[in-house]
């Protein structure tokens, strides 16, 4: 069975503490832009770093999230924020330029930051 990330393939590279993608990240993100969000979720949940190839691809391809249906993004957001790492995820999504494609109407809104801090 094909997986997107090596941590998804049921093994961890503890020594490097990095999330890697299987295959070319630009192609994989073009095939399914939601993978960018999942990379950030894995990074935050595991306390790992994204590989440089993933970071570069995310910065270049973040706008692809604009083509994903609201229903699908909603489901992904439930997974992103329904845990104790919600604010960290928020900050990383902002850092990588993904947040503005998930929440266009609330981009850089202080109310969102305060709400996440209180959860």
N, C-alpha and C. Protein backbone atom coordinates (compact mmCIF):
# COMPACT_ATOMS: atom_id res chain seq x y z
N UNK A 1 0.85 -1.18 0.00
CA UNK A 1 0.00 0.00 0.00
C UNK A 1 0.89 1.24 0.00
N UNK A 2 0.59 2.20 -0.81
CA UNK A 2 1.40 3.41 -0.94
C UNK A 2 1.03 4.41 0.14
N UNK A 3 2.03 5.03 0.69
CA UNK A 3 1.83 6.04 1.74
C UNK A 3 2.46 7.35 1.30
N UNK A 4 2.02 8.43 1.92
CA UNK A 4 2.52 9.76 1.58
C UNK A 4 3.81 10.10 2.29
N UNK A 5 3.91 9.75 3.56
CA UNK A 5 5.05 10.12 4.36
C UNK A 5 5.66 8.87 4.97
N UNK A 6 6.96 8.91 5.23
CA UNK A 6 7.57 7.72 5.81
C UNK A 6 7.04 7.44 7.21
N UNK A 7 6.63 8.43 7.95
CA UNK A 7 6.06 8.18 9.27
C UNK A 7 4.68 7.54 9.13
N UNK A 8 4.06 7.71 7.98
CA UNK A 8 2.79 7.08 7.69
C UNK A 8 2.97 5.61 7.34
N UNK A 9 4.18 5.25 7.01
CA UNK A 9 4.47 3.88 6.57
C UNK A 9 4.83 2.99 7.75
N UNK A 10 4.45 3.40 8.93
CA UNK A 10 4.60 2.63 10.16
C UNK A 10 6.03 2.49 10.64
N UNK A 11 6.85 3.46 10.35
CA UNK A 11 8.17 3.51 10.96
C UNK A 11 8.59 4.96 11.14
N UNK A 12 9.44 5.19 12.13
CA UNK A 12 9.94 6.53 12.44
C UNK A 12 11.44 6.55 12.30
N UNK A 13 11.95 7.66 11.86
CA UNK A 13 13.40 7.86 11.86
C UNK A 13 13.70 8.74 13.07
N UNK A 14 13.84 8.10 14.20
CA UNK A 14 14.01 8.81 15.47
C UNK A 14 15.26 9.67 15.48
N UNK A 15 16.32 9.18 14.87
CA UNK A 15 17.60 9.91 14.91
C UNK A 15 17.53 11.27 14.24
N UNK A 16 16.90 11.34 13.08
CA UNK A 16 16.85 12.62 12.37
C UNK A 16 15.65 13.47 12.77
N UNK A 17 14.63 12.84 13.34
CA UNK A 17 13.41 13.55 13.75
C UNK A 17 12.90 14.46 12.64
N UNK A 18 12.78 13.88 11.46
CA UNK A 18 12.33 14.65 10.30
C UNK A 18 11.19 13.92 9.58
N UNK A 19 10.27 14.72 9.05
CA UNK A 19 9.21 14.20 8.20
C UNK A 19 9.70 14.29 6.77
N UNK A 20 9.67 13.15 6.08
CA UNK A 20 10.04 13.10 4.67
C UNK A 20 8.83 12.63 3.88
N UNK A 21 8.78 13.00 2.64
CA UNK A 21 7.70 12.53 1.78
C UNK A 21 8.27 11.47 0.84
N UNK A 22 7.47 10.49 0.54
CA UNK A 22 7.89 9.46 -0.40
C UNK A 22 7.59 9.99 -1.80
N UNK A 23 8.62 10.13 -2.61
CA UNK A 23 8.48 10.68 -3.95
C UNK A 23 8.83 12.16 -4.00
N UNK A 24 8.58 12.77 -5.12
CA UNK A 24 8.85 14.18 -5.34
C UNK A 24 7.75 15.00 -4.66
N UNK A 25 8.12 15.86 -3.70
CA UNK A 25 7.08 16.59 -2.97
C UNK A 25 6.22 17.49 -3.86
N UNK A 26 6.80 18.09 -4.86
CA UNK A 26 6.00 18.96 -5.74
C UNK A 26 4.93 18.16 -6.46
N UNK A 27 5.29 17.00 -6.93
CA UNK A 27 4.32 16.15 -7.62
C UNK A 27 3.28 15.62 -6.64
N UNK A 28 3.73 15.18 -5.48
CA UNK A 28 2.81 14.62 -4.49
C UNK A 28 1.82 15.68 -3.99
N UNK A 29 2.28 16.91 -3.78
CA UNK A 29 1.38 17.98 -3.33
C UNK A 29 0.44 18.42 -4.45
N UNK A 30 0.91 18.35 -5.68
CA UNK A 30 0.04 18.68 -6.81
C UNK A 30 -1.06 17.63 -6.93
N UNK A 31 -0.72 16.36 -6.70
CA UNK A 31 -1.72 15.29 -6.75
C UNK A 31 -2.77 15.46 -5.67
N UNK A 32 -2.34 15.88 -4.49
CA UNK A 32 -3.26 16.09 -3.38
C UNK A 32 -2.70 17.17 -2.45
N UNK A 33 -3.13 18.40 -2.61
CA UNK A 33 -2.61 19.50 -1.80
C UNK A 33 -2.84 19.34 -0.30
N UNK A 34 -3.79 18.55 0.10
CA UNK A 34 -4.06 18.33 1.53
C UNK A 34 -2.84 17.68 2.21
N UNK A 35 -1.99 17.05 1.46
CA UNK A 35 -0.77 16.47 2.03
C UNK A 35 0.09 17.52 2.71
N UNK A 36 0.02 18.76 2.24
CA UNK A 36 0.80 19.82 2.88
C UNK A 36 0.32 20.04 4.32
N UNK A 37 -0.99 20.03 4.49
CA UNK A 37 -1.56 20.20 5.82
C UNK A 37 -1.18 19.03 6.72
N UNK A 38 -1.23 17.85 6.17
CA UNK A 38 -0.88 16.66 6.95
C UNK A 38 0.57 16.66 7.37
N UNK A 39 1.44 17.18 6.50
CA UNK A 39 2.86 17.27 6.85
C UNK A 39 3.03 18.14 8.09
N UNK A 40 2.33 19.25 8.13
CA UNK A 40 2.40 20.14 9.29
C UNK A 40 1.84 19.45 10.53
N UNK A 41 0.76 18.71 10.37
CA UNK A 41 0.17 17.99 11.51
C UNK A 41 1.16 16.96 12.06
N UNK A 42 1.77 16.19 11.19
CA UNK A 42 2.76 15.20 11.65
C UNK A 42 3.95 15.88 12.32
N UNK A 43 4.42 16.95 11.72
CA UNK A 43 5.54 17.69 12.29
C UNK A 43 5.24 18.12 13.72
N UNK A 44 4.08 18.68 13.92
CA UNK A 44 3.70 19.21 15.23
C UNK A 44 3.45 18.08 16.23
N UNK A 45 2.69 17.10 15.81
CA UNK A 45 2.33 16.00 16.71
C UNK A 45 3.56 15.24 17.21
N UNK A 46 4.52 15.03 16.32
CA UNK A 46 5.69 14.22 16.67
C UNK A 46 6.87 15.05 17.18
N UNK A 47 6.80 16.37 17.03
CA UNK A 47 7.93 17.21 17.42
C UNK A 47 9.10 17.06 16.45
N UNK A 48 8.81 16.70 15.22
CA UNK A 48 9.83 16.53 14.19
C UNK A 48 9.96 17.81 13.37
N UNK A 49 10.88 17.83 12.45
CA UNK A 49 11.04 18.92 11.50
C UNK A 49 10.63 18.45 10.12
N UNK A 50 10.16 19.37 9.31
CA UNK A 50 9.90 19.04 7.91
C UNK A 50 11.21 19.05 7.16
N UNK A 51 11.38 18.13 6.23
CA UNK A 51 12.58 18.15 5.40
C UNK A 51 12.58 19.43 4.58
N UNK A 52 13.75 19.85 4.16
CA UNK A 52 13.86 21.08 3.36
C UNK A 52 13.07 20.96 2.06
N UNK A 53 13.04 19.77 1.47
CA UNK A 53 12.30 19.60 0.22
C UNK A 53 10.80 19.81 0.43
N UNK A 54 10.29 19.39 1.56
CA UNK A 54 8.88 19.61 1.86
C UNK A 54 8.61 21.09 2.10
N UNK A 55 9.46 21.74 2.88
CA UNK A 55 9.27 23.16 3.16
C UNK A 55 9.23 23.97 1.86
N UNK A 56 10.20 23.74 0.99
CA UNK A 56 10.24 24.49 -0.27
C UNK A 56 9.00 24.25 -1.11
N UNK A 57 8.59 23.00 -1.18
CA UNK A 57 7.40 22.67 -1.98
C UNK A 57 6.15 23.32 -1.39
N UNK A 58 6.04 23.34 -0.08
CA UNK A 58 4.87 23.98 0.55
C UNK A 58 4.84 25.47 0.24
N UNK A 59 5.97 26.14 0.39
CA UNK A 59 6.00 27.58 0.10
C UNK A 59 5.60 27.86 -1.34
N UNK A 60 5.99 26.99 -2.25
CA UNK A 60 5.68 27.19 -3.67
C UNK A 60 4.26 26.79 -4.01
N UNK A 61 3.73 25.78 -3.32
CA UNK A 61 2.46 25.21 -3.75
C UNK A 61 1.29 25.44 -2.80
N UNK A 62 1.47 26.24 -1.78
CA UNK A 62 0.38 26.52 -0.85
C UNK A 62 -0.90 26.98 -1.56
N UNK A 63 -0.82 27.78 -2.62
CA UNK A 63 -2.05 28.22 -3.29
C UNK A 63 -2.92 27.08 -3.83
N UNK A 64 -2.35 25.89 -4.00
CA UNK A 64 -3.13 24.76 -4.48
C UNK A 64 -4.27 24.40 -3.52
N UNK A 65 -4.13 24.77 -2.25
CA UNK A 65 -5.21 24.50 -1.30
C UNK A 65 -6.49 25.25 -1.66
N UNK A 66 -6.35 26.32 -2.41
CA UNK A 66 -7.52 27.09 -2.84
C UNK A 66 -8.45 26.30 -3.74
N UNK A 67 -7.97 25.17 -4.28
CA UNK A 67 -8.78 24.34 -5.17
C UNK A 67 -9.47 23.18 -4.45
N UNK A 68 -9.27 23.07 -3.16
CA UNK A 68 -9.84 21.97 -2.38
C UNK A 68 -11.21 22.38 -1.86
N UNK A 69 -12.15 21.46 -1.88
CA UNK A 69 -13.51 21.79 -1.43
C UNK A 69 -13.53 22.16 0.04
N UNK A 70 -14.46 23.03 0.38
CA UNK A 70 -14.59 23.47 1.77
C UNK A 70 -14.91 22.29 2.69
N UNK A 71 -15.69 21.35 2.22
CA UNK A 71 -16.04 20.19 3.04
C UNK A 71 -14.80 19.37 3.39
N UNK A 72 -13.95 19.18 2.43
CA UNK A 72 -12.73 18.40 2.69
C UNK A 72 -11.79 19.14 3.64
N UNK A 73 -11.65 20.43 3.44
CA UNK A 73 -10.80 21.22 4.32
C UNK A 73 -11.37 21.25 5.73
N UNK A 74 -12.67 21.29 5.84
CA UNK A 74 -13.30 21.26 7.16
C UNK A 74 -12.91 19.99 7.91
N UNK A 75 -13.00 18.86 7.24
CA UNK A 75 -12.64 17.58 7.86
C UNK A 75 -11.17 17.57 8.29
N UNK A 76 -10.31 18.11 7.48
CA UNK A 76 -8.88 18.17 7.82
C UNK A 76 -8.66 19.08 9.02
N UNK A 77 -9.40 20.18 9.08
CA UNK A 77 -9.24 21.13 10.19
C UNK A 77 -9.67 20.52 11.51
N UNK A 78 -10.68 19.68 11.48
CA UNK A 78 -11.09 18.99 12.71
C UNK A 78 -9.91 18.19 13.25
N UNK A 79 -9.24 17.47 12.37
CA UNK A 79 -8.07 16.67 12.78
C UNK A 79 -6.92 17.57 13.23
N UNK A 80 -6.73 18.68 12.55
CA UNK A 80 -5.63 19.59 12.89
C UNK A 80 -5.76 20.19 14.28
N UNK A 81 -6.97 20.60 14.62
CA UNK A 81 -7.15 21.40 15.83
C UNK A 81 -7.81 20.67 16.99
N UNK A 82 -8.20 19.45 16.79
CA UNK A 82 -8.87 18.71 17.86
C UNK A 82 -7.85 17.91 18.65
N UNK A 83 -6.89 18.61 19.23
CA UNK A 83 -5.83 18.00 20.03
C UNK A 83 -5.15 19.09 20.84
N UNK A 84 -4.19 18.70 21.64
CA UNK A 84 -3.50 19.66 22.50
C UNK A 84 -2.47 20.51 21.77
N UNK A 85 -2.27 20.29 20.48
CA UNK A 85 -1.27 21.03 19.71
C UNK A 85 -1.89 22.11 18.82
N UNK A 86 -3.14 22.47 19.06
CA UNK A 86 -3.86 23.37 18.18
C UNK A 86 -3.16 24.69 17.89
N UNK A 87 -2.64 25.33 18.92
CA UNK A 87 -2.00 26.63 18.68
C UNK A 87 -0.69 26.46 17.92
N UNK A 88 0.08 25.42 18.22
CA UNK A 88 1.32 25.15 17.47
C UNK A 88 1.01 24.90 16.00
N UNK A 89 -0.04 24.13 15.74
CA UNK A 89 -0.44 23.86 14.36
C UNK A 89 -0.81 25.18 13.68
N UNK A 90 -1.58 26.00 14.37
CA UNK A 90 -1.97 27.30 13.83
C UNK A 90 -0.74 28.11 13.43
N UNK A 91 0.23 28.20 14.34
CA UNK A 91 1.44 28.98 14.07
C UNK A 91 2.22 28.43 12.87
N UNK A 92 2.30 27.12 12.77
CA UNK A 92 3.04 26.53 11.65
C UNK A 92 2.30 26.70 10.33
N UNK A 93 1.00 26.58 10.36
CA UNK A 93 0.24 26.83 9.14
C UNK A 93 0.45 28.26 8.67
N UNK A 94 0.51 29.19 9.62
CA UNK A 94 0.78 30.59 9.29
C UNK A 94 2.20 30.74 8.73
N UNK A 95 3.16 30.10 9.39
CA UNK A 95 4.57 30.19 8.98
C UNK A 95 4.78 29.71 7.54
N UNK A 96 4.11 28.63 7.18
CA UNK A 96 4.30 28.05 5.85
C UNK A 96 3.36 28.62 4.80
N UNK A 97 2.54 29.59 5.18
CA UNK A 97 1.65 30.24 4.22
C UNK A 97 0.42 29.43 3.87
N UNK A 98 0.05 28.47 4.70
CA UNK A 98 -1.11 27.62 4.44
C UNK A 98 -2.39 28.15 5.08
N UNK A 99 -2.26 28.84 6.18
CA UNK A 99 -3.43 29.27 6.95
C UNK A 99 -4.38 30.13 6.12
N UNK A 100 -3.85 31.02 5.34
CA UNK A 100 -4.71 31.93 4.58
C UNK A 100 -5.55 31.21 3.54
N UNK A 101 -5.16 29.98 3.18
CA UNK A 101 -5.97 29.20 2.24
C UNK A 101 -7.00 28.33 2.96
N UNK A 102 -6.78 28.11 4.25
CA UNK A 102 -7.75 27.36 5.04
C UNK A 102 -8.85 28.26 5.58
N UNK A 103 -8.44 29.45 6.04
CA UNK A 103 -9.36 30.39 6.68
C UNK A 103 -9.18 31.77 6.06
N UNK A 104 -9.64 31.93 4.86
CA UNK A 104 -9.45 33.20 4.14
C UNK A 104 -10.01 34.39 4.90
N UNK A 105 -11.18 34.22 5.50
CA UNK A 105 -11.84 35.34 6.16
C UNK A 105 -11.23 35.68 7.52
N UNK A 106 -10.39 34.83 8.06
CA UNK A 106 -9.83 35.09 9.39
C UNK A 106 -8.31 35.21 9.38
N UNK A 107 -7.72 35.38 8.24
CA UNK A 107 -6.26 35.44 8.15
C UNK A 107 -5.70 36.54 9.06
N UNK A 108 -4.79 36.13 9.93
CA UNK A 108 -4.11 37.02 10.87
C UNK A 108 -5.07 37.72 11.82
N UNK A 109 -6.10 37.06 12.19
CA UNK A 109 -7.10 37.62 13.09
C UNK A 109 -6.71 37.29 14.53
N UNK A 110 -6.56 38.29 15.36
CA UNK A 110 -6.16 38.10 16.76
C UNK A 110 -7.20 37.30 17.55
N UNK A 111 -8.46 37.40 17.17
CA UNK A 111 -9.51 36.65 17.85
C UNK A 111 -9.26 35.14 17.75
N UNK A 112 -8.82 34.69 16.60
CA UNK A 112 -8.54 33.26 16.39
C UNK A 112 -7.39 32.83 17.32
N UNK A 113 -6.34 33.63 17.39
CA UNK A 113 -5.21 33.30 18.24
C UNK A 113 -5.64 33.20 19.71
N UNK A 114 -6.46 34.14 20.14
CA UNK A 114 -6.93 34.13 21.53
C UNK A 114 -7.80 32.91 21.79
N UNK A 115 -8.65 32.57 20.85
CA UNK A 115 -9.53 31.41 21.03
C UNK A 115 -8.71 30.12 21.14
N UNK A 116 -7.67 29.99 20.34
CA UNK A 116 -6.84 28.80 20.41
C UNK A 116 -6.05 28.72 21.70
N UNK A 117 -5.65 29.85 22.23
CA UNK A 117 -4.93 29.85 23.50
C UNK A 117 -5.81 29.42 24.67
N UNK A 118 -7.10 29.67 24.55
CA UNK A 118 -8.03 29.35 25.63
C UNK A 118 -8.59 27.93 25.55
N UNK A 119 -8.17 27.15 24.56
CA UNK A 119 -8.70 25.77 24.44
C UNK A 119 -7.85 24.80 25.19
